[in-house]
Amino acid sequence: MSGFTTQTQEQVDSKTRVVEKEPPMYQVLLHNDDYTTMNFVVELLVGIFHKNLEEATRIMLNVHRSGIGICGIYTYEVAETKVETVHQLAHERGFPLKSSIEKV
């Protein structure tokens, strides 16, 4: 064994700036039609969008009166999944209800 030791010291100074950027948000919209029942729309708003009965009824009436209503605001993936779920459930029940997303 040799009588010396080698010490190597590395020092790295790095400054990393982490900028957290919020993901873009999208609103999920319901579109009025002449066939989908108000009860079914309320059922969707409670089941899919987790609205209480009072808020679901208010949104449903807004869709009925103005032709379109906002169900919630989500990231793209969540909004897209909710739209697909609305379309699937409406189709299963025989309703032509349409839903879409719009960037906020």
C-alpha atoms as a PDB file:
ATOM      1  CA  MET A   1       0.000   0.000   0.000  1.00  0.00           C
ATOM      2  CA  SER A   2       1.347   3.344  -0.905  1.00  0.00           C
ATOM      3  CA  GLY A   3       1.879   6.071   1.630  1.00  0.00           C
ATOM      4  CA  PHE A   4      -0.275   8.708   0.032  1.00  0.00           C
ATOM      5  CA  THR A   5      -3.952   9.295  -0.630  1.00  0.00           C
ATOM      6  CA  THR A   6      -5.451  11.238  -3.423  1.00  0.00           C
ATOM      7  CA  GLN A   7      -8.313  13.490  -2.636  1.00  0.00           C
ATOM      8  CA  THR A   8     -10.416  14.854  -5.392  1.00  0.00           C
ATOM      9  CA  GLN A   9     -12.985  17.399  -4.631  1.00  0.00           C
ATOM     10  CA  GLU A  10     -15.426  18.545  -7.221  1.00  0.00           C
ATOM     11  CA  GLN A  11     -17.625  21.450  -6.579  1.00  0.00           C
ATOM     12  CA  VAL A  12     -20.314  22.353  -9.015  1.00  0.00           C
ATOM     13  CA  ASP A  13     -22.191  25.554  -8.660  1.00  0.00           C
ATOM     14  CA  SER A  14     -25.366  25.461 -10.616  1.00  0.00           C
ATOM     15  CA  LYS A  15     -28.349  27.634 -10.339  1.00  0.00           C
ATOM     16  CA  THR A  16     -31.462  26.012 -11.599  1.00  0.00           C
ATOM     17  CA  ARG A  17     -34.518  28.131 -11.867  1.00  0.00           C
ATOM     18  CA  VAL A  18     -37.675  26.133 -11.734  1.00  0.00           C
ATOM     19  CA  VAL A  19     -40.622  27.937 -13.180  1.00  0.00           C
ATOM     20  CA  GLU A  20     -43.819  26.077 -12.634  1.00  0.00           C
ATOM     21  CA  LYS A  21     -46.242  26.896 -15.372  1.00  0.00           C
ATOM     22  CA  GLU A  22     -49.899  26.171 -14.859  1.00  0.00           C
ATOM     23  CA  PRO A  23     -51.388  23.938 -17.561  1.00  0.00           C
ATOM     24  CA  PRO A  24     -53.906  25.562 -19.882  1.00  0.00           C
ATOM     25  CA  MET A  25     -57.474  25.154 -18.719  1.00  0.00           C
ATOM     26  CA  TYR A  26     -60.563  24.227 -20.728  1.00  0.00           C
ATOM     27  CA  GLN A  27     -64.223  24.708 -19.983  1.00  0.00           C
ATOM     28  CA  VAL A  28     -66.629  21.869 -20.679  1.00  0.00           C
ATOM     29  CA  LEU A  29     -69.813  23.033 -22.377  1.00  0.00           C
ATOM     30  CA  LEU A  30     -73.222  21.398 -22.791  1.00  0.00           C
ATOM     31  CA  HIS A  31     -75.331  22.287 -25.833  1.00  0.00           C
ATOM     32  CA  ASN A  32     -79.116  22.428 -25.739  1.00  0.00           C
ATOM     33  CA  ASP A  33     -81.235  20.228 -27.975  1.00  0.00           C
ATOM     34  CA  ASP A  34     -84.945  19.543 -28.266  1.00  0.00           C
ATOM     35  CA  TYR A  35     -84.799  15.890 -27.165  1.00  0.00           C
ATOM     36  CA  THR A  36     -82.568  15.413 -24.122  1.00  0.00           C
ATOM     37  CA  THR A  37     -84.595  15.598 -20.928  1.00  0.00           C
ATOM     38  CA  MET A  38     -83.832  18.122 -18.240  1.00  0.00           C
ATOM     39  CA  ASN A  39     -83.708  15.318 -15.671  1.00  0.00           C
ATOM     40  CA  PHE A  40     -80.992  13.517 -17.644  1.00  0.00           C
ATOM     41  CA  VAL A  41     -78.900  16.710 -17.879  1.00  0.00           C
ATOM     42  CA  VAL A  42     -79.187  17.218 -14.115  1.00  0.00           C
ATOM     43  CA  GLU A  43     -78.241  13.559 -13.600  1.00  0.00           C
ATOM     44  CA  LEU A  44     -75.088  14.071 -15.731  1.00  0.00           C
ATOM     45  CA  LEU A  45     -74.138  17.253 -13.927  1.00  0.00           C
ATOM     46  CA  VAL A  46     -74.413  15.532 -10.556  1.00  0.00           C
ATOM     47  CA  GLY A  47     -72.764  12.264 -11.617  1.00  0.00           C
ATOM     48  CA  ILE A  48     -70.012  13.385 -13.980  1.00  0.00           C
ATOM     49  CA  PHE A  49     -69.322  16.952 -12.890  1.00  0.00           C
ATOM     50  CA  HIS A  50     -69.992  16.437  -9.158  1.00  0.00           C
ATOM     51  CA  LYS A  51     -72.410  19.349  -8.865  1.00  0.00           C
ATOM     52  CA  ASN A  52     -74.964  19.439  -6.073  1.00  0.00           C
ATOM     53  CA  LEU A  53     -78.623  19.301  -7.089  1.00  0.00           C
ATOM     54  CA  GLU A  54     -79.149  23.057  -6.827  1.00  0.00           C
ATOM     55  CA  GLU A  55     -76.121  23.941  -8.938  1.00  0.00           C
ATOM     56  CA  ALA A  56     -76.896  21.189 -11.464  1.00  0.00           C
ATOM     57  CA  THR A  57     -80.433  22.538 -11.857  1.00  0.00           C
ATOM     58  CA  ARG A  58     -79.126  26.084 -12.332  1.00  0.00           C
ATOM     59  CA  ILE A  59     -76.670  24.959 -15.032  1.00  0.00           C
ATOM     60  CA  MET A  60     -79.340  22.854 -16.755  1.00  0.00           C
ATOM     61  CA  LEU A  61     -81.726  25.823 -16.871  1.00  0.00           C
ATOM     62  CA  ASN A  62     -78.952  28.019 -18.261  1.00  0.00           C
ATOM     63  CA  VAL A  63     -78.317  25.453 -21.024  1.00  0.00           C
ATOM     64  CA  HIS A  64     -82.053  25.291 -21.731  1.00  0.00           C
ATOM     65  CA  ARG A  65     -82.533  29.065 -21.858  1.00  0.00           C
ATOM     66  CA  SER A  66     -79.361  30.234 -23.579  1.00  0.00           C
ATOM     67  CA  GLY A  67     -78.505  27.167 -25.646  1.00  0.00           C
ATOM     68  CA  ILE A  68     -75.177  26.471 -23.975  1.00  0.00           C
ATOM     69  CA  GLY A  69     -73.803  26.194 -20.454  1.00  0.00           C
ATOM     70  CA  ILE A  70     -70.490  25.730 -18.667  1.00  0.00           C
ATOM     71  CA  CYS A  71     -70.239  22.541 -16.606  1.00  0.00           C
ATOM     72  CA  GLY A  72     -66.734  23.078 -15.231  1.00  0.00           C
ATOM     73  CA  ILE A  73     -63.150  24.066 -15.980  1.00  0.00           C
ATOM     74  CA  TYR A  74     -60.438  21.395 -16.170  1.00  0.00           C
ATOM     75  CA  THR A  75     -57.104  20.500 -17.722  1.00  0.00           C
ATOM     76  CA  TYR A  76     -57.356  19.264 -21.307  1.00  0.00           C
ATOM     77  CA  GLU A  77     -57.208  15.556 -20.514  1.00  0.00           C
ATOM     78  CA  VAL A  78     -59.853  15.762 -17.796  1.00  0.00           C
ATOM     79  CA  ALA A  79     -62.118  17.937 -19.954  1.00  0.00           C
ATOM     80  CA  GLU A  80     -61.803  15.565 -22.909  1.00  0.00           C
ATOM     81  CA  THR A  81     -62.627  12.571 -20.710  1.00  0.00           C
ATOM     82  CA  LYS A  82     -65.728  14.296 -19.333  1.00  0.00           C
ATOM     83  CA  VAL A  83     -66.939  15.155 -22.861  1.00  0.00           C
ATOM     84  CA  GLU A  84     -66.454  11.548 -23.965  1.00  0.00           C
ATOM     85  CA  THR A  85     -68.337  10.309 -20.892  1.00  0.00           C
ATOM     86  CA  VAL A  86     -71.248  12.692 -21.568  1.00  0.00           C
ATOM     87  CA  HIS A  87     -71.472  11.490 -25.182  1.00  0.00           C
ATOM     88  CA  GLN A  88     -71.273   7.833 -24.186  1.00  0.00           C
ATOM     89  CA  LEU A  89     -73.986   8.073 -21.516  1.00  0.00           C
ATOM     90  CA  ALA A  90     -76.241  10.191 -23.734  1.00  0.00           C
ATOM     91  CA  HIS A  91     -75.881   7.668 -26.559  1.00  0.00           C
ATOM     92  CA  GLU A  92     -76.662   4.767 -24.212  1.00  0.00           C
ATOM     93  CA  ARG A  93     -79.866   6.536 -23.127  1.00  0.00           C
ATOM     94  CA  GLY A  94     -80.814   7.497 -26.699  1.00  0.00           C
ATOM     95  CA  PHE A  95     -80.244  11.264 -26.336  1.00  0.00           C
ATOM     96  CA  PRO A  96     -78.427  13.454 -28.888  1.00  0.00           C
ATOM     97  CA  LEU A  97     -76.830  15.630 -26.187  1.00  0.00           C
ATOM     98  CA  LYS A  98     -73.619  17.282 -27.299  1.00  0.00           C
ATOM     99  CA  SER A  99     -70.752  18.513 -25.191  1.00  0.00           C
ATOM    100  CA  SER A 100     -67.571  20.313 -26.187  1.00  0.00           C
ATOM    101  CA  ILE A 101     -64.488  21.940 -24.743  1.00  0.00           C
ATOM    102  CA  GLU A 102     -63.216  25.463 -25.168  1.00  0.00           C
ATOM    103  CA  LYS A 103     -59.913  26.915 -24.011  1.00  0.00           C
ATOM    104  CA  VAL A 104     -60.322  29.435 -21.201  1.00  0.00           C
END
